[in-house]
Amino acid sequence: MSSWLSSKPAEPKTPKPDPNFNKDMGFTEEEAISLYIKSEINGNAKFFSSMTDRCFTDCILAFQSDQLSSLEELCVNRCVDKYLLTQAKISLVFQDQQNKINQPL
């Protein structure tokens, strides 16, 4: 079992859509929320696709069996752990920067 399943870091809070976005762009609130959700889903899909491609390329060395070897499994677990931890850290940095931008002067 991957260590990220047993000792998952605290998840960063998902930022809420900018309430002025719909006003500035001419969208209704429902349209703005829908666009935001689609953007989040698209971003997550790209992230997991990138992680899958990278970890597969780095870790799966041969197709001698329908099961992963112990070395392949260890490599995949470490690769996924690194991707998830890195993504969590990046999200926290972006969230911190967004909070600084949104603070009143």
C-alpha atoms as a PDB file:
ATOM      1  CA  MET A   1       0.000   0.000   0.000  1.00  0.00           C
ATOM      2  CA  SER A   2       1.273   3.436  -0.895  1.00  0.00           C
ATOM      3  CA  SER A   3       2.279   5.617   2.032  1.00  0.00           C
ATOM      4  CA  TRP A   4       0.127   8.495   0.761  1.00  0.00           C
ATOM      5  CA  LEU A   5      -2.945   6.395   1.561  1.00  0.00           C
ATOM      6  CA  SER A   6      -1.950   5.912   5.169  1.00  0.00           C
ATOM      7  CA  SER A   7      -0.298   9.246   5.977  1.00  0.00           C
ATOM      8  CA  LYS A   8      -1.873  11.786   3.690  1.00  0.00           C
ATOM      9  CA  PRO A   9      -0.758  15.404   4.230  1.00  0.00           C
ATOM     10  CA  ALA A  10      -3.346  17.992   5.128  1.00  0.00           C
ATOM     11  CA  GLU A  11      -5.221  18.912   1.987  1.00  0.00           C
ATOM     12  CA  PRO A  12      -5.074  22.561   0.991  1.00  0.00           C
ATOM     13  CA  LYS A  13      -8.408  24.297   0.810  1.00  0.00           C
ATOM     14  CA  THR A  14      -9.670  24.728  -2.716  1.00  0.00           C
ATOM     15  CA  PRO A  15      -9.878  28.423  -3.514  1.00  0.00           C
ATOM     16  CA  LYS A  16     -13.340  29.725  -4.267  1.00  0.00           C
ATOM     17  CA  PRO A  17     -14.082  31.361  -7.599  1.00  0.00           C
ATOM     18  CA  ASP A  18     -13.524  35.104  -7.636  1.00  0.00           C
ATOM     19  CA  PRO A  19     -16.936  36.666  -6.886  1.00  0.00           C
ATOM     20  CA  ASN A  20     -16.144  39.518  -9.282  1.00  0.00           C
ATOM     21  CA  PHE A  21     -15.334  37.141 -12.134  1.00  0.00           C
ATOM     22  CA  ASN A  22     -18.943  36.811 -13.239  1.00  0.00           C
ATOM     23  CA  LYS A  23     -19.469  40.583 -13.043  1.00  0.00           C
ATOM     24  CA  ASP A  24     -16.267  41.421 -14.925  1.00  0.00           C
ATOM     25  CA  MET A  25     -16.814  38.835 -17.656  1.00  0.00           C
ATOM     26  CA  GLY A  26     -20.591  39.124 -18.012  1.00  0.00           C
ATOM     27  CA  PHE A  27     -21.378  35.653 -16.608  1.00  0.00           C
ATOM     28  CA  THR A  28     -24.158  34.755 -14.237  1.00  0.00           C
ATOM     29  CA  GLU A  29     -23.050  33.323 -10.905  1.00  0.00           C
ATOM     30  CA  GLU A  30     -24.123  29.850 -12.013  1.00  0.00           C
ATOM     31  CA  GLU A  31     -22.104  30.149 -15.249  1.00  0.00           C
ATOM     32  CA  ALA A  32     -19.039  31.348 -13.344  1.00  0.00           C
ATOM     33  CA  ILE A  33     -19.276  28.418 -10.907  1.00  0.00           C
ATOM     34  CA  SER A  34     -19.749  25.985 -13.791  1.00  0.00           C
ATOM     35  CA  LEU A  35     -16.667  27.368 -15.590  1.00  0.00           C
ATOM     36  CA  TYR A  36     -14.668  27.167 -12.368  1.00  0.00           C
ATOM     37  CA  ILE A  37     -15.669  23.531 -11.771  1.00  0.00           C
ATOM     38  CA  LYS A  38     -14.856  22.580 -15.377  1.00  0.00           C
ATOM     39  CA  SER A  39     -11.476  24.285 -15.022  1.00  0.00           C
ATOM     40  CA  GLU A  40     -10.732  22.374 -11.800  1.00  0.00           C
ATOM     41  CA  ILE A  41     -11.745  19.057 -13.382  1.00  0.00           C
ATOM     42  CA  ASN A  42      -9.606  19.770 -16.453  1.00  0.00           C
ATOM     43  CA  GLY A  43      -6.620  20.706 -14.280  1.00  0.00           C
ATOM     44  CA  ASN A  44      -6.968  17.543 -12.196  1.00  0.00           C
ATOM     45  CA  ALA A  45      -7.289  15.377 -15.302  1.00  0.00           C
ATOM     46  CA  LYS A  46      -4.101  16.894 -16.757  1.00  0.00           C
ATOM     47  CA  PHE A  47      -2.276  16.411 -13.453  1.00  0.00           C
ATOM     48  CA  PHE A  48      -3.222  12.728 -13.162  1.00  0.00           C
ATOM     49  CA  SER A  49      -2.467  12.099 -16.832  1.00  0.00           C
ATOM     50  CA  SER A  50       0.973  13.663 -16.411  1.00  0.00           C
ATOM     51  CA  MET A  51       1.610  11.682 -13.221  1.00  0.00           C
ATOM     52  CA  THR A  52       0.521   8.428 -14.855  1.00  0.00           C
ATOM     53  CA  ASP A  53       2.682   8.982 -17.938  1.00  0.00           C
ATOM     54  CA  ARG A  54       5.729   9.979 -15.927  1.00  0.00           C
ATOM     55  CA  CYS A  55       5.494   7.207 -13.341  1.00  0.00           C
ATOM     56  CA  PHE A  56       4.790   4.568 -15.999  1.00  0.00           C
ATOM     57  CA  THR A  57       7.742   5.714 -18.120  1.00  0.00           C
ATOM     58  CA  ASP A  58      10.098   5.864 -15.138  1.00  0.00           C
ATOM     59  CA  CYS A  59       9.013   2.684 -13.359  1.00  0.00           C
ATOM     60  CA  ILE A  60       7.657   0.070 -15.753  1.00  0.00           C
ATOM     61  CA  LEU A  61      10.692  -1.448 -17.390  1.00  0.00           C
ATOM     62  CA  ALA A  62       9.441  -4.707 -18.882  1.00  0.00           C
ATOM     63  CA  PHE A  63       6.234  -6.535 -19.686  1.00  0.00           C
ATOM     64  CA  GLN A  64       7.270  -9.985 -18.526  1.00  0.00           C
ATOM     65  CA  SER A  65       4.252 -10.460 -16.275  1.00  0.00           C
ATOM     66  CA  ASP A  66       0.735  -9.190 -15.759  1.00  0.00           C
ATOM     67  CA  GLN A  67       1.837  -8.126 -12.255  1.00  0.00           C
ATOM     68  CA  LEU A  68       4.248  -5.402 -11.210  1.00  0.00           C
ATOM     69  CA  SER A  69       7.551  -6.596  -9.852  1.00  0.00           C
ATOM     70  CA  SER A  70       8.342  -5.532  -6.287  1.00  0.00           C
ATOM     71  CA  LEU A  71      10.846  -2.960  -7.635  1.00  0.00           C
ATOM     72  CA  GLU A  72       8.300  -1.574 -10.101  1.00  0.00           C
ATOM     73  CA  GLU A  73       5.654  -1.338  -7.387  1.00  0.00           C
ATOM     74  CA  LEU A  74       8.056   0.439  -5.039  1.00  0.00           C
ATOM     75  CA  CYS A  75       9.034   2.863  -7.806  1.00  0.00           C
ATOM     76  CA  VAL A  76       5.398   3.603  -8.697  1.00  0.00           C
ATOM     77  CA  ASN A  77       4.496   4.186  -5.044  1.00  0.00           C
ATOM     78  CA  ARG A  78       7.399   6.578  -4.565  1.00  0.00           C
ATOM     79  CA  CYS A  79       6.654   8.377  -7.831  1.00  0.00           C
ATOM     80  CA  VAL A  80       2.985   8.879  -6.939  1.00  0.00           C
ATOM     81  CA  ASP A  81       3.922   9.998  -3.411  1.00  0.00           C
ATOM     82  CA  LYS A  82       6.312  12.606  -4.811  1.00  0.00           C
ATOM     83  CA  TYR A  83       3.739  13.904  -7.292  1.00  0.00           C
ATOM     84  CA  LEU A  84       1.013  14.211  -4.664  1.00  0.00           C
ATOM     85  CA  LEU A  85       3.256  15.862  -2.077  1.00  0.00           C
ATOM     86  CA  THR A  86       4.651  18.260  -4.668  1.00  0.00           C
ATOM     87  CA  GLN A  87       1.153  19.153  -5.860  1.00  0.00           C
ATOM     88  CA  ALA A  88       0.026  19.798  -2.277  1.00  0.00           C
ATOM     89  CA  LYS A  89       3.021  22.080  -1.656  1.00  0.00           C
ATOM     90  CA  ILE A  90       2.493  23.972  -4.913  1.00  0.00           C
ATOM     91  CA  SER A  91      -1.192  24.427  -4.087  1.00  0.00           C
ATOM     92  CA  LEU A  92      -0.310  25.878  -0.693  1.00  0.00           C
ATOM     93  CA  VAL A  93       2.148  28.333  -2.264  1.00  0.00           C
ATOM     94  CA  PHE A  94      -0.406  29.434  -4.867  1.00  0.00           C
ATOM     95  CA  GLN A  95      -3.080  29.766  -2.200  1.00  0.00           C
ATOM     96  CA  ASP A  96      -0.749  31.869  -0.039  1.00  0.00           C
ATOM     97  CA  GLN A  97       0.081  34.112  -3.008  1.00  0.00           C
ATOM     98  CA  GLN A  98      -3.622  34.470  -3.864  1.00  0.00           C
ATOM     99  CA  ASN A  99      -4.385  35.405  -0.251  1.00  0.00           C
ATOM    100  CA  LYS A 100      -1.688  38.089  -0.361  1.00  0.00           C
ATOM    101  CA  ILE A 101      -3.104  39.480  -3.613  1.00  0.00           C
ATOM    102  CA  ASN A 102      -6.635  39.560  -2.187  1.00  0.00           C
ATOM    103  CA  GLN A 103      -5.674  41.301   1.080  1.00  0.00           C
ATOM    104  CA  PRO A 104      -6.942  44.875   1.280  1.00  0.00           C
ATOM    105  CA  LEU A 105      -4.219  47.501   1.167  1.00  0.00           C
END
